[in-house]
Protein backbone atom coordinates (compact mmCIF):
# COMPACT_ATOMS: atom_id res chain seq x y z
CA MET A 1 -9.69 30.91 -73.38
CA ILE A 2 -12.65 29.11 -71.90
CA GLU A 3 -16.02 30.85 -71.70
CA LEU A 4 -19.24 29.09 -70.77
CA ARG A 5 -22.34 31.13 -70.86
CA ASP A 6 -25.54 29.98 -69.27
CA VAL A 7 -24.79 26.30 -70.30
CA SER A 8 -27.38 23.58 -69.45
CA LYS A 9 -27.30 19.77 -69.97
CA VAL A 10 -30.12 17.50 -69.36
CA TYR A 11 -30.07 13.81 -69.31
CA GLN A 12 -33.15 11.51 -69.66
CA ILE A 13 -32.65 8.54 -67.47
CA GLY A 14 -35.73 6.15 -67.75
CA GLU A 15 -38.63 8.48 -66.94
CA GLU A 16 -36.54 10.92 -65.10
CA ARG A 17 -35.03 13.95 -66.44
CA VAL A 18 -31.62 14.99 -64.60
CA ARG A 19 -30.31 18.37 -64.92
CA ALA A 20 -26.57 17.91 -64.74
CA LEU A 21 -25.71 21.65 -65.53
CA ASP A 22 -28.10 24.37 -64.69
CA HIS A 23 -27.34 27.54 -66.62
CA ALA A 24 -23.64 27.29 -65.47
CA SER A 25 -21.17 29.95 -66.49
CA LEU A 26 -17.35 29.96 -66.19
CA HIS A 27 -14.54 32.02 -67.47
CA VAL A 28 -11.04 30.65 -67.66
CA ARG A 29 -8.16 32.87 -68.74
CA PRO A 30 -4.83 31.64 -70.31
CA HIS A 31 -2.44 30.54 -67.84
CA GLU A 32 -4.89 30.31 -64.90
CA PHE A 33 -5.08 27.31 -62.60
CA VAL A 34 -8.75 26.72 -61.62
CA SER A 35 -10.23 23.87 -59.62
CA VAL A 36 -13.87 22.64 -59.73
CA ILE A 37 -15.10 21.05 -56.62
CA GLY A 38 -18.40 19.36 -55.69
CA PRO A 39 -19.82 16.07 -54.43
CA SER A 40 -20.79 12.97 -56.53
CA GLY A 41 -23.57 14.02 -58.93
CA SER A 42 -23.06 17.55 -58.72
CA GLY A 43 -22.27 17.90 -62.39
CA LYS A 44 -18.52 17.98 -62.40
CA SER A 45 -17.86 15.22 -64.97
CA THR A 46 -20.55 16.80 -67.23
CA LEU A 47 -18.73 20.12 -67.05
CA MET A 48 -15.35 18.45 -67.78
CA ASN A 49 -17.00 16.57 -70.83
CA ILE A 50 -18.29 19.70 -72.03
CA ILE A 51 -15.23 21.74 -71.80
CA GLY A 52 -13.23 19.01 -73.35
CA CYS A 53 -15.40 18.95 -76.36
CA LEU A 54 -16.41 15.23 -75.39
CA ASP A 55 -20.04 16.25 -75.01
CA THR A 56 -22.20 19.18 -76.05
CA ALA A 57 -24.56 21.47 -73.85
CA ASP A 58 -28.33 21.59 -74.65
CA ALA A 59 -28.46 25.12 -73.95
CA GLY A 60 -26.09 28.12 -73.71
CA GLU A 61 -22.86 28.92 -75.38
CA TYR A 62 -19.29 27.51 -75.02
CA LEU A 63 -16.45 29.68 -76.56
CA LEU A 64 -13.15 28.12 -76.75
CA ASP A 65 -10.12 30.67 -77.60
CA GLY A 66 -13.03 32.87 -78.72
CA THR A 67 -14.65 30.33 -81.09
CA PRO A 68 -18.20 29.14 -80.48
CA ILE A 69 -17.83 25.33 -80.25
CA GLU A 70 -20.88 24.93 -82.87
CA ALA A 71 -18.58 26.41 -85.28
CA TYR A 72 -16.46 23.57 -85.49
CA THR A 73 -16.98 20.39 -87.62
CA GLU A 74 -16.53 16.94 -86.13
CA ASN A 75 -13.10 16.48 -87.57
CA GLU A 76 -12.21 20.04 -86.08
CA LEU A 77 -13.30 19.06 -82.68
CA ALA A 78 -11.24 15.83 -82.76
CA ARG A 79 -8.36 17.93 -83.76
CA VAL A 80 -8.95 20.30 -81.00
CA ARG A 81 -9.02 17.24 -78.50
CA ASN A 82 -6.06 15.82 -79.85
CA ILE A 83 -3.81 18.94 -80.12
CA LYS A 84 -5.31 21.77 -78.01
CA ILE A 85 -6.36 19.72 -74.91
CA GLY A 86 -4.56 17.29 -72.66
CA PHE A 87 -6.73 14.96 -70.70
CA VAL A 88 -5.64 13.35 -67.27
CA PHE A 89 -8.09 10.89 -65.65
CA GLN A 90 -8.54 9.46 -62.28
CA SER A 91 -8.23 5.78 -63.71
CA PHE A 92 -5.16 6.98 -65.71
CA ASN A 93 -6.53 5.13 -68.87
CA LEU A 94 -3.22 3.67 -69.83
CA ILE A 95 -3.09 0.86 -72.48
CA SER A 96 -1.96 -2.24 -70.48
CA LYS A 97 0.07 -3.86 -73.52
CA LEU A 98 2.08 -0.58 -74.10
CA SER A 99 5.05 0.48 -72.34
CA ALA A 100 5.21 3.91 -70.77
CA GLU A 101 6.85 5.46 -73.59
CA GLU A 102 4.58 3.91 -76.21
CA ASN A 103 1.55 5.18 -74.19
CA VAL A 104 2.97 8.73 -74.18
CA GLU A 105 3.86 8.54 -77.80
CA LEU A 106 0.31 7.36 -79.03
CA PRO A 107 -1.37 10.94 -79.50
CA LEU A 108 1.62 11.96 -81.52
CA ILE A 109 1.21 8.82 -83.68
CA TYR A 110 -2.52 10.01 -84.17
CA GLN A 111 -1.15 13.57 -85.18
CA GLY A 112 1.11 12.29 -87.74
CA VAL A 113 4.62 13.41 -86.16
CA ARG A 114 7.56 12.14 -87.60
CA THR A 115 9.31 9.37 -85.81
CA SER A 116 12.59 11.13 -84.66
CA GLU A 117 10.49 14.11 -83.22
CA ARG A 118 8.10 11.79 -81.58
CA ARG A 119 10.90 9.96 -79.64
CA GLU A 120 12.54 13.47 -78.53
CA ARG A 121 9.19 14.69 -77.45
CA VAL A 122 8.43 11.58 -75.39
CA ARG A 123 11.86 11.59 -73.71
CA GLN A 124 11.32 15.10 -72.76
CA ALA A 125 7.82 14.61 -71.59
CA LEU A 126 8.72 11.43 -69.42
CA ALA A 127 11.89 13.40 -67.95
CA LYS A 128 9.66 16.11 -66.98
CA VAL A 129 7.50 13.75 -64.92
CA GLY A 130 10.75 12.12 -63.66
CA LEU A 131 10.22 8.76 -65.09
CA GLU A 132 12.56 8.76 -68.14
CA HIS A 133 14.32 5.86 -66.43
CA ARG A 134 11.04 3.72 -66.43
CA SER A 135 10.26 4.33 -70.02
CA LYS A 136 10.27 0.59 -71.01
CA HIS A 137 8.16 -0.61 -68.11
CA LEU A 138 4.47 -1.66 -68.55
CA PRO A 139 1.75 -0.15 -66.57
CA THR A 140 1.47 -3.23 -64.34
CA GLU A 141 4.99 -2.48 -63.61
CA LEU A 142 4.57 0.82 -62.21
CA SER A 143 2.90 2.31 -59.08
CA GLY A 144 -0.24 4.18 -59.04
CA GLY A 145 1.63 7.42 -58.77
CA GLN A 146 3.81 6.40 -61.53
CA GLN A 147 1.03 5.48 -63.81
CA GLN A 148 -0.48 8.91 -63.22
CA ARG A 149 2.90 10.52 -64.10
CA VAL A 150 2.86 8.58 -67.25
CA ALA A 151 -0.76 9.85 -67.92
CA ILE A 152 0.46 13.41 -67.31
CA ALA A 153 3.37 12.98 -69.79
CA ARG A 154 0.90 11.69 -72.35
CA ALA A 155 -1.08 14.96 -71.80
CA LEU A 156 1.88 16.99 -72.05
CA VAL A 157 3.56 15.49 -75.09
CA THR A 158 1.16 17.31 -77.64
CA ARG A 159 2.07 20.69 -76.05
CA PRO A 160 -1.71 21.40 -75.51
CA SER A 161 -2.76 24.93 -74.38
CA LEU A 162 -5.20 23.44 -71.93
CA ILE A 163 -4.75 20.69 -69.20
CA LEU A 164 -8.06 19.11 -68.05
CA ALA A 165 -7.72 16.94 -64.93
CA ASP A 166 -10.59 14.94 -63.64
CA GLU A 167 -9.90 13.57 -60.14
CA PRO A 168 -6.31 13.03 -60.91
CA THR A 169 -5.43 12.05 -57.27
CA GLY A 170 -8.70 10.00 -56.73
CA ASN A 171 -7.15 6.46 -57.05
CA LEU A 172 -3.73 7.59 -55.04
CA ASP A 173 -2.80 7.72 -51.24
CA SER A 174 -2.46 11.31 -49.84
CA HIS A 175 1.10 11.44 -50.07
CA THR A 176 1.39 10.33 -53.68
CA GLY A 177 -1.61 12.60 -54.54
CA GLY A 178 0.49 15.50 -52.75
CA GLU A 179 3.33 14.66 -55.21
CA ILE A 180 0.81 14.88 -58.29
CA MET A 181 -0.43 18.22 -57.15
CA ASP A 182 3.08 19.50 -56.68
CA MET A 183 3.65 18.37 -60.40
CA PHE A 184 0.35 20.48 -61.48
CA ALA A 185 1.61 23.50 -59.43
CA GLU A 186 4.90 23.29 -61.44
CA LEU A 187 3.40 22.82 -64.69
CA HIS A 188 1.23 25.95 -63.89
CA GLU A 189 4.26 28.01 -62.98
CA GLN A 190 5.52 26.94 -66.57
CA GLY A 191 2.71 28.79 -68.10
CA ASN A 192 0.06 25.68 -68.66
CA THR A 193 -3.56 26.55 -68.13
CA ILE A 194 -5.01 23.96 -65.83
CA VAL A 195 -8.67 23.08 -65.09
CA LEU A 196 -8.79 20.32 -62.34
CA ILE A 197 -12.00 18.72 -61.19
CA THR A 198 -11.99 17.27 -57.55
CA HIS A 199 -14.30 16.49 -54.45
CA ASP A 200 -11.20 16.98 -52.11
CA ASN A 201 -11.00 20.46 -50.48
CA ASP A 202 -7.29 20.24 -49.80
CA ILE A 203 -6.69 19.48 -53.49
CA ALA A 204 -9.03 22.10 -54.61
CA ARG A 205 -7.16 24.75 -52.50
CA ARG A 206 -3.86 24.08 -54.37
CA ALA A 207 -5.26 25.96 -57.35
CA LYS A 208 -5.24 29.67 -57.68
CA ARG A 209 -9.02 29.85 -57.97
CA VAL A 210 -11.67 27.44 -56.72
CA VAL A 211 -15.14 27.10 -58.21
CA HIS A 212 -17.82 25.07 -56.41
CA ILE A 213 -20.24 23.10 -58.31
CA LEU A 214 -23.75 21.97 -56.75
CA ASP A 215 -26.78 20.75 -58.51
CA GLY A 216 -25.16 21.84 -61.75
CA ARG A 217 -24.66 25.23 -60.77
CA LEU A 218 -21.13 27.17 -60.52
CA THR A 219 -20.19 29.60 -57.71
CA GLU A 220 -16.66 31.23 -57.00
CA VAL A 221 -15.10 30.34 -53.83
CA THR A 222 -13.12 33.10 -51.90
CA LEU A 223 -9.76 31.57 -50.87
């Protein structure tokens, strides 16, 4: 599903050149649950952005489902991000003026899914994360853990083949973070492919494979 070959990314910050990724290679097969762990500044977010087609590499090759990313047009990449990939972020990224169900519904509106199907898929997604009874609540009326569950439902509602989670427990206490990781484990058991970015060893170990990133270089970790 995901294949990065000698991918490099360099940012120019003032007069300094920062190498965020340094000949990084990674292979993720369908239905795998992989965590990428590393400290701040190690290249985790850059890796996430490239895998999620939010950024492009300066060198190397990225194949998604066997197709080089360079082969996609901008419109095709937007479609990939909207349909093939479900994103879960540390800061939840919910729209404060929209209810839980409206936040979850948004990607389906962008896809042009008809109203009746949207409502049913939103209901199913919220039920899957245990929040069907809070569907009318605004994000400010939900706890941090509940907001992250809404964000997970939003990622799932498009039925993506890949879920990318960037520090999904970073803003949560350890108990709530554990509950969110239980949810990712369940999603993996249901057949979802998951790549999870974290700086927390305990969180990383919940995945079936662990990859360490430091100074933009990736190495497999033996569990």
